[in-house]
Amino acid sequence: MSRAADRLRLLINHLDRSPATITAEPTSTQTFTYSHPQRLRYSFDTDLLTPEDRLFYEENGFLLVKNLVSEEDIDRFRIRGAQ
């Protein structure tokens, strides 16, 4: 399975499972200590996302996951979309 497919599967599993069944994976982003006073409504505290990522998602409604889709796939989709 490709790296992008693995990441997509992980995201889908995160959305489909209860918090107790999610396996935490370390992230590649820099870690920092953040204490948020309000309870975040749209994400679980599972160590899959950093507190910074969770807060960004809560405020903006999306996350940018770099390298989720390979450049090769993007080019292929771009060509198909132009037809």
PDB file of N, CA and C in Angstrom:
ATOM      1  N   MET A   1       0.855  -1.173   0.000  1.00  0.00           N
ATOM      2  CA  MET A   1       0.000   0.000   0.000  1.00  0.00           C
ATOM      3  C   MET A   1       0.901   1.236   0.000  1.00  0.00           C
ATOM      4  N   SER A   2       0.513   2.255  -0.740  1.00  0.00           N
ATOM      5  CA  SER A   2       1.326   3.465  -0.824  1.00  0.00           C
ATOM      6  C   SER A   2       1.264   4.258   0.476  1.00  0.00           C
ATOM      7  N   ARG A   3       2.207   5.144   0.634  1.00  0.00           N
ATOM      8  CA  ARG A   3       2.259   5.990   1.828  1.00  0.00           C
ATOM      9  C   ARG A   3       1.000   6.849   1.935  1.00  0.00           C
ATOM     10  N   ALA A   4       0.560   7.385   0.806  1.00  0.00           N
ATOM     11  CA  ALA A   4      -0.653   8.208   0.806  1.00  0.00           C
ATOM     12  C   ALA A   4      -1.872   7.382   1.200  1.00  0.00           C
ATOM     13  N   ALA A   5      -1.943   6.166   0.698  1.00  0.00           N
ATOM     14  CA  ALA A   5      -3.073   5.297   1.036  1.00  0.00           C
ATOM     15  C   ALA A   5      -3.054   4.951   2.523  1.00  0.00           C
ATOM     16  N   ASP A   6      -1.860   4.733   3.072  1.00  0.00           N
ATOM     17  CA  ASP A   6      -1.749   4.459   4.509  1.00  0.00           C
ATOM     18  C   ASP A   6      -2.248   5.645   5.328  1.00  0.00           C
ATOM     19  N   ARG A   7      -1.860   6.844   4.922  1.00  0.00           N
ATOM     20  CA  ARG A   7      -2.303   8.040   5.645  1.00  0.00           C
ATOM     21  C   ARG A   7      -3.809   8.224   5.540  1.00  0.00           C
ATOM     22  N   LEU A   8      -4.341   8.013   4.343  1.00  0.00           N
ATOM     23  CA  LEU A   8      -5.776   8.150   4.149  1.00  0.00           C
ATOM     24  C   LEU A   8      -6.532   7.124   4.987  1.00  0.00           C
ATOM     25  N   ARG A   9      -6.038   5.892   5.019  1.00  0.00           N
ATOM     26  CA  ARG A   9      -6.672   4.853   5.828  1.00  0.00           C
ATOM     27  C   ARG A   9      -6.653   5.247   7.303  1.00  0.00           C
ATOM     28  N   LEU A  10      -5.542   5.804   7.750  1.00  0.00           N
ATOM     29  CA  LEU A  10      -5.430   6.237   9.134  1.00  0.00           C
ATOM     30  C   LEU A  10      -6.448   7.331   9.448  1.00  0.00           C
ATOM     31  N   LEU A  11      -6.599   8.288   8.540  1.00  0.00           N
ATOM     32  CA  LEU A  11      -7.578   9.353   8.757  1.00  0.00           C
ATOM     33  C   LEU A  11      -9.002   8.813   8.777  1.00  0.00           C
ATOM     34  N   ILE A  12      -9.303   7.928   7.848  1.00  0.00           N
ATOM     35  CA  ILE A  12     -10.651   7.350   7.798  1.00  0.00           C
ATOM     36  C   ILE A  12     -10.924   6.543   9.058  1.00  0.00           C
ATOM     37  N   ASN A  13      -9.951   5.760   9.479  1.00  0.00           N
ATOM     38  CA  ASN A  13     -10.122   4.990  10.717  1.00  0.00           C
ATOM     39  C   ASN A  13     -10.328   5.915  11.907  1.00  0.00           C
ATOM     40  N   HIS A  14      -9.625   7.027  11.918  1.00  0.00           N
ATOM     41  CA  HIS A  14      -9.773   7.995  13.008  1.00  0.00           C
ATOM     42  C   HIS A  14     -11.209   8.515  13.063  1.00  0.00           C
ATOM     43  N   LEU A  15     -11.798   8.751  11.918  1.00  0.00           N
ATOM     44  CA  LEU A  15     -13.153   9.291  11.874  1.00  0.00           C
ATOM     45  C   LEU A  15     -14.211   8.237  12.181  1.00  0.00           C
ATOM     46  N   ASP A  16     -13.930   6.977  11.860  1.00  0.00           N
ATOM     47  CA  ASP A  16     -14.928   5.916  12.006  1.00  0.00           C
ATOM     48  C   ASP A  16     -14.907   5.202  13.353  1.00  0.00           C
ATOM     49  N   ARG A  17     -13.890   5.397  14.154  1.00  0.00           N
ATOM     50  CA  ARG A  17     -13.759   4.626  15.388  1.00  0.00           C
ATOM     51  C   ARG A  17     -14.043   5.469  16.619  1.00  0.00           C
ATOM     52  N   SER A  18     -14.381   4.763  17.675  1.00  0.00           N
ATOM     53  CA  SER A  18     -14.519   5.448  18.955  1.00  0.00           C
ATOM     54  C   SER A  18     -13.117   5.758  19.479  1.00  0.00           C
ATOM     55  N   PRO A  19     -12.968   6.769  20.306  1.00  0.00           N
ATOM     56  CA  PRO A  19     -11.635   7.156  20.789  1.00  0.00           C
ATOM     57  C   PRO A  19     -10.882   6.023  21.481  1.00  0.00           C
ATOM     58  N   ALA A  20     -11.577   5.112  22.119  1.00  0.00           N
ATOM     59  CA  ALA A  20     -10.906   4.042  22.858  1.00  0.00           C
ATOM     60  C   ALA A  20     -10.209   3.047  21.934  1.00  0.00           C
ATOM     61  N   THR A  21     -10.624   2.950  20.668  1.00  0.00           N
ATOM     62  CA  THR A  21     -10.040   1.960  19.767  1.00  0.00           C
ATOM     63  C   THR A  21      -8.981   2.539  18.835  1.00  0.00           C
ATOM     64  N   ILE A  22      -8.687   3.813  18.942  1.00  0.00           N
ATOM     65  CA  ILE A  22      -7.718   4.442  18.051  1.00  0.00           C
ATOM     66  C   ILE A  22      -6.309   4.227  18.584  1.00  0.00           C
ATOM     67  N   THR A  23      -5.410   3.804  17.698  1.00  0.00           N
ATOM     68  CA  THR A  23      -4.015   3.613  18.056  1.00  0.00           C
ATOM     69  C   THR A  23      -3.246   4.882  17.734  1.00  0.00           C
ATOM     70  N   ALA A  24      -2.556   5.411  18.693  1.00  0.00           N
ATOM     71  CA  ALA A  24      -1.811   6.651  18.493  1.00  0.00           C
ATOM     72  C   ALA A  24      -0.540   6.391  17.700  1.00  0.00           C
ATOM     73  N   GLU A  25      -0.237   7.281  16.788  1.00  0.00           N
ATOM     74  CA  GLU A  25       0.992   7.250  16.014  1.00  0.00           C
ATOM     75  C   GLU A  25       1.701   8.581  16.231  1.00  0.00           C
ATOM     76  N   PRO A  26       3.010   8.570  16.369  1.00  0.00           N
ATOM     77  CA  PRO A  26       3.708   9.847  16.544  1.00  0.00           C
ATOM     78  C   PRO A  26       3.594  10.695  15.281  1.00  0.00           C
ATOM     79  N   THR A  27       3.563  11.989  15.469  1.00  0.00           N
ATOM     80  CA  THR A  27       3.491  12.893  14.328  1.00  0.00           C
ATOM     81  C   THR A  27       4.870  13.439  14.019  1.00  0.00           C
ATOM     82  N   SER A  28       5.016  13.984  12.825  1.00  0.00           N
ATOM     83  CA  SER A  28       6.310  14.522  12.424  1.00  0.00           C
ATOM     84  C   SER A  28       6.433  16.006  12.747  1.00  0.00           C
ATOM     85  N   THR A  29       5.378  16.595  13.268  1.00  0.00           N
ATOM     86  CA  THR A  29       5.430  18.016  13.588  1.00  0.00           C
ATOM     87  C   THR A  29       6.098  18.233  14.930  1.00  0.00           C
ATOM     88  N   GLN A  30       6.551  19.424  15.128  1.00  0.00           N
ATOM     89  CA  GLN A  30       7.200  19.771  16.389  1.00  0.00           C
ATOM     90  C   GLN A  30       6.164  19.741  17.504  1.00  0.00           C
ATOM     91  N   THR A  31       6.515  19.152  18.609  1.00  0.00           N
ATOM     92  CA  THR A  31       5.577  19.081  19.723  1.00  0.00           C
ATOM     93  C   THR A  31       5.763  20.288  20.630  1.00  0.00           C
ATOM     94  N   PHE A  32       4.699  20.686  21.263  1.00  0.00           N
ATOM     95  CA  PHE A  32       4.751  21.782  22.202  1.00  0.00           C
ATOM     96  C   PHE A  32       3.646  21.577  23.223  1.00  0.00           C
ATOM     97  N   THR A  33       3.751  22.257  24.316  1.00  0.00           N
ATOM     98  CA  THR A  33       2.747  22.147  25.359  1.00  0.00           C
ATOM     99  C   THR A  33       1.703  23.229  25.147  1.00  0.00           C
ATOM    100  N   TYR A  34       0.469  22.805  25.075  1.00  0.00           N
ATOM    101  CA  TYR A  34      -0.627  23.746  24.888  1.00  0.00           C
ATOM    102  C   TYR A  34      -1.794  23.281  25.738  1.00  0.00           C
ATOM    103  N   SER A  35      -2.327  24.159  26.472  1.00  0.00           N
ATOM    104  CA  SER A  35      -3.483  23.839  27.293  1.00  0.00           C
ATOM    105  C   SER A  35      -4.652  24.682  26.809  1.00  0.00           C
ATOM    106  N   HIS A  36      -5.664  24.027  26.292  1.00  0.00           N
ATOM    107  CA  HIS A  36      -6.810  24.779  25.798  1.00  0.00           C
ATOM    108  C   HIS A  36      -7.904  24.784  26.858  1.00  0.00           C
ATOM    109  N   PRO A  37      -8.415  25.972  27.174  1.00  0.00           N
ATOM    110  CA  PRO A  37      -9.409  26.071  28.243  1.00  0.00           C
ATOM    111  C   PRO A  37     -10.763  25.486  27.856  1.00  0.00           C
ATOM    112  N   GLN A  38     -11.127  25.565  26.588  1.00  0.00           N
ATOM    113  CA  GLN A  38     -12.420  25.042  26.166  1.00  0.00           C
ATOM    114  C   GLN A  38     -12.269  23.616  25.650  1.00  0.00           C
ATOM    115  N   ARG A  39     -13.333  22.890  25.694  1.00  0.00           N
ATOM    116  CA  ARG A  39     -13.340  21.531  25.162  1.00  0.00           C
ATOM    117  C   ARG A  39     -13.481  21.618  23.647  1.00  0.00           C
ATOM    118  N   LEU A  40     -12.603  20.933  22.939  1.00  0.00           N
ATOM    119  CA  LEU A  40     -12.671  20.943  21.483  1.00  0.00           C
ATOM    120  C   LEU A  40     -13.798  20.021  21.041  1.00  0.00           C
ATOM    121  N   ARG A  41     -14.602  20.481  20.103  1.00  0.00           N
ATOM    122  CA  ARG A  41     -15.822  19.768  19.734  1.00  0.00           C
ATOM    123  C   ARG A  41     -15.644  18.759  18.605  1.00  0.00           C
ATOM    124  N   TYR A  42     -14.710  18.989  17.701  1.00  0.00           N
ATOM    125  CA  TYR A  42     -14.679  18.225  16.459  1.00  0.00           C
ATOM    126  C   TYR A  42     -13.496  17.276  16.319  1.00  0.00           C
ATOM    127  N   SER A  43     -12.710  17.100  17.346  1.00  0.00           N
ATOM    128  CA  SER A  43     -11.587  16.166  17.269  1.00  0.00           C
ATOM    129  C   SER A  43     -11.379  15.508  18.628  1.00  0.00           C
ATOM    130  N   PHE A  44     -10.792  14.321  18.590  1.00  0.00           N
ATOM    131  CA  PHE A  44     -10.517  13.569  19.808  1.00  0.00           C
ATOM    132  C   PHE A  44      -9.070  13.777  20.238  1.00  0.00           C
ATOM    133  N   ASP A  45      -8.820  13.736  21.520  1.00  0.00           N
ATOM    134  CA  ASP A  45      -7.470  13.849  22.053  1.00  0.00           C
ATOM    135  C   ASP A  45      -6.840  12.458  22.065  1.00  0.00           C
ATOM    136  N   THR A  46      -6.240  12.067  20.930  1.00  0.00           N
ATOM    137  CA  THR A  46      -5.718  10.710  20.779  1.00  0.00           C
ATOM    138  C   THR A  46      -4.242  10.667  20.422  1.00  0.00           C
ATOM    139  N   ASP A  47      -3.566  11.777  20.383  1.00  0.00           N
ATOM    140  CA  ASP A  47      -2.164  11.879  19.973  1.00  0.00           C
ATOM    141  C   ASP A  47      -1.961  11.638  18.476  1.00  0.00           C
ATOM    142  N   LEU A  48      -3.043  11.473  17.709  1.00  0.00           N
ATOM    143  CA  LEU A  48      -2.908  11.383  16.257  1.00  0.00           C
ATOM    144  C   LEU A  48      -2.672  12.770  15.666  1.00  0.00           C
ATOM    145  N   LEU A  49      -3.263  13.765  16.293  1.00  0.00           N
ATOM    146  CA  LEU A  49      -3.060  15.153  15.880  1.00  0.00           C
ATOM    147  C   LEU A  49      -2.432  15.906  17.042  1.00  0.00           C
ATOM    148  N   THR A  50      -1.598  16.862  16.703  1.00  0.00           N
ATOM    149  CA  THR A  50      -1.016  17.692  17.752  1.00  0.00           C
ATOM    150  C   THR A  50      -2.095  18.634  18.277  1.00  0.00           C
ATOM    151  N   PRO A  51      -1.924  19.169  19.470  1.00  0.00           N
ATOM    152  CA  PRO A  51      -2.885  20.164  19.958  1.00  0.00           C
ATOM    153  C   PRO A  51      -3.015  21.346  18.995  1.00  0.00           C
ATOM    154  N   GLU A  52      -1.897  21.722  18.381  1.00  0.00           N
ATOM    155  CA  GLU A  52      -1.934  22.818  17.404  1.00  0.00           C
ATOM    156  C   GLU A  52      -2.801  22.443  16.201  1.00  0.00           C
ATOM    157  N   ASP A  53      -2.660  21.201  15.690  1.00  0.00           N
ATOM    158  CA  ASP A  53      -3.480  20.734  14.569  1.00  0.00           C
ATOM    159  C   ASP A  53      -4.956  20.705  14.947  1.00  0.00           C
ATOM    160  N   ARG A  54      -5.250  20.221  16.139  1.00  0.00           N
ATOM    161  CA  ARG A  54      -6.644  20.141  16.584  1.00  0.00           C
ATOM    162  C   ARG A  54      -7.265  21.523  16.689  1.00  0.00           C
ATOM    163  N   LEU A  55      -6.533  22.464  17.252  1.00  0.00           N
ATOM    164  CA  LEU A  55      -7.046  23.823  17.387  1.00  0.00           C
ATOM    165  C   LEU A  55      -7.255  24.457  16.017  1.00  0.00           C
ATOM    166  N   PHE A  56      -6.314  24.241  15.101  1.00  0.00           N
ATOM    167  CA  PHE A  56      -6.456  24.767  13.743  1.00  0.00           C
ATOM    168  C   PHE A  56      -7.717  24.199  13.094  1.00  0.00           C
ATOM    169  N   TYR A  57      -7.933  22.887  13.255  1.00  0.00           N
ATOM    170  CA  TYR A  57      -9.125  22.258  12.683  1.00  0.00           C
ATOM    171  C   TYR A  57     -10.400  22.839  13.293  1.00  0.00           C
ATOM    172  N   GLU A  58     -10.409  23.014  14.590  1.00  0.00           N
ATOM    173  CA  GLU A  58     -11.584  23.581  15.263  1.00  0.00           C
ATOM    174  C   GLU A  58     -11.900  24.982  14.742  1.00  0.00           C
ATOM    175  N   GLU A  59     -10.869  25.778  14.505  1.00  0.00           N
ATOM    176  CA  GLU A  59     -11.068  27.160  14.080  1.00  0.00           C
ATOM    177  C   GLU A  59     -11.348  27.296  12.586  1.00  0.00           C
ATOM    178  N   ASN A  60     -10.792  26.397  11.764  1.00  0.00           N
ATOM    179  CA  ASN A  60     -10.865  26.564  10.314  1.00  0.00           C
ATOM    180  C   ASN A  60     -11.681  25.493   9.593  1.00  0.00           C
ATOM    181  N   GLY A  61     -11.895  24.357  10.231  1.00  0.00           N
ATOM    182  CA  GLY A  61     -12.701  23.307   9.626  1.00  0.00           C
ATOM    183  C   GLY A  61     -11.966  22.420   8.639  1.00  0.00           C
ATOM    184  N   PHE A  62     -10.655  22.545   8.548  1.00  0.00           N
ATOM    185  CA  PHE A  62      -9.880  21.677   7.663  1.00  0.00           C
ATOM    186  C   PHE A  62      -8.453  21.576   8.177  1.00  0.00           C
ATOM    187  N   LEU A  63      -7.752  20.559   7.702  1.00  0.00           N
ATOM    188  CA  LEU A  63      -6.325  20.400   7.970  1.00  0.00           C
ATOM    189  C   LEU A  63      -5.613  20.199   6.648  1.00  0.00           C
ATOM    190  N   LEU A  64      -4.427  20.701   6.551  1.00  0.00           N
ATOM    191  CA  LEU A  64      -3.575  20.449   5.401  1.00  0.00           C
ATOM    192  C   LEU A  64      -2.632  19.322   5.791  1.00  0.00           C
ATOM    193  N   VAL A  65      -2.755  18.187   5.110  1.00  0.00           N
ATOM    194  CA  VAL A  65      -1.887  17.045   5.381  1.00  0.00           C
ATOM    195  C   VAL A  65      -0.900  16.961   4.223  1.00  0.00           C
ATOM    196  N   LYS A  66       0.303  17.443   4.466  1.00  0.00           N
ATOM    197  CA  LYS A  66       1.311  17.479   3.410  1.00  0.00           C
ATOM    198  C   LYS A  66       1.685  16.067   2.982  1.00  0.00           C
ATOM    199  N   ASN A  67       1.877  15.914   1.677  1.00  0.00           N
ATOM    200  CA  ASN A  67       2.305  14.650   1.067  1.00  0.00           C
ATOM    201  C   ASN A  67       1.295  13.518   1.239  1.00  0.00           C
ATOM    202  N   LEU A  68       0.040  13.854   1.474  1.00  0.00           N
ATOM    203  CA  LEU A  68      -0.989  12.816   1.563  1.00  0.00           C
ATOM    204  C   LEU A  68      -1.183  12.157   0.205  1.00  0.00           C
ATOM    205  N   VAL A  69      -1.143  12.968  -0.846  1.00  0.00           N
ATOM    206  CA  VAL A  69      -1.267  12.469  -2.213  1.00  0.00           C
ATOM    207  C   VAL A  69       0.050  12.761  -2.921  1.00  0.00           C
ATOM    208  N   SER A  70       0.577  11.771  -3.616  1.00  0.00           N
ATOM    209  CA  SER A  70       1.870  11.937  -4.280  1.00  0.00           C
ATOM    210  C   SER A  70       1.762  12.923  -5.444  1.00  0.00           C
ATOM    211  N   GLU A  71       2.887  13.516  -5.800  1.00  0.00           N
ATOM    212  CA  GLU A  71       2.938  14.431  -6.948  1.00  0.00           C
ATOM    213  C   GLU A  71       2.503  13.712  -8.225  1.00  0.00           C
ATOM    214  N   GLU A  72       2.878  12.449  -8.334  1.00  0.00           N
ATOM    215  CA  GLU A  72       2.500  11.656  -9.508  1.00  0.00           C
ATOM    216  C   GLU A  72       0.977  11.554  -9.623  1.00  0.00           C
ATOM    217  N   ASP A  73       0.304  11.274  -8.519  1.00  0.00           N
ATOM    218  CA  ASP A  73      -1.157  11.189  -8.533  1.00  0.00           C
ATOM    219  C   ASP A  73      -1.785  12.550  -8.834  1.00  0.00           C
ATOM    220  N   ILE A  74      -1.237  13.603  -8.259  1.00  0.00           N
ATOM    221  CA  ILE A  74      -1.770  14.946  -8.514  1.00  0.00           C
ATOM    222  C   ILE A  74      -1.671  15.273  -9.996  1.00  0.00           C
ATOM    223  N   ASP A  75      -0.527  14.981 -10.608  1.00  0.00           N
ATOM    224  CA  ASP A  75      -0.364  15.230 -12.046  1.00  0.00           C
ATOM    225  C   ASP A  75      -1.359  14.408 -12.860  1.00  0.00           C
ATOM    226  N   ARG A  76      -1.543  13.155 -12.468  1.00  0.00           N
ATOM    227  CA  ARG A  76      -2.485  12.284 -13.182  1.00  0.00           C
ATOM    228  C   ARG A  76      -3.910  12.834 -13.072  1.00  0.00           C
ATOM    229  N   PHE A  77      -4.302  13.280 -11.883  1.00  0.00           N
ATOM    230  CA  PHE A  77      -5.642  13.842 -11.691  1.00  0.00           C
ATOM    231  C   PHE A  77      -5.797  15.153 -12.460  1.00  0.00           C
ATOM    232  N   ARG A  78      -4.737  15.949 -12.483  1.00  0.00           N
ATOM    233  CA  ARG A  78      -4.773  17.223 -13.200  1.00  0.00           C
ATOM    234  C   ARG A  78      -4.989  16.983 -14.700  1.00  0.00           C
ATOM    235  N   ILE A  79      -4.300  15.989 -15.249  1.00  0.00           N
ATOM    236  CA  ILE A  79      -4.444  15.662 -16.670  1.00  0.00           C
ATOM    237  C   ILE A  79      -5.856  15.168 -16.957  1.00  0.00           C
ATOM    238  N   ARG A  80      -6.375  14.284 -16.109  1.00  0.00           N
ATOM    239  CA  ARG A  80      -7.737  13.775 -16.312  1.00  0.00           C
ATOM    240  C   ARG A  80      -8.773  14.885 -16.194  1.00  0.00           C
ATOM    241  N   GLY A  81      -8.554  15.819 -15.283  1.00  0.00           N
ATOM    242  CA  GLY A  81      -9.499  16.921 -15.097  1.00  0.00           C
ATOM    243  C   GLY A  81      -9.516  17.887 -16.264  1.00  0.00           C
ATOM    244  N   ALA A  82      -8.410  17.969 -16.985  1.00  0.00           N
ATOM    245  CA  ALA A  82      -8.314  18.892 -18.116  1.00  0.00           C
ATOM    246  C   ALA A  82      -8.937  18.312 -19.380  1.00  0.00           C
ATOM    247  N   GLN A  83      -9.242  17.037 -19.378  1.00  0.00           N
ATOM    248  CA  GLN A  83      -9.792  16.398 -20.585  1.00  0.00           C
ATOM    249  C   GLN A  83     -11.255  16.703 -20.762  1.00  0.00           C
TER     250      GLN A  83
END
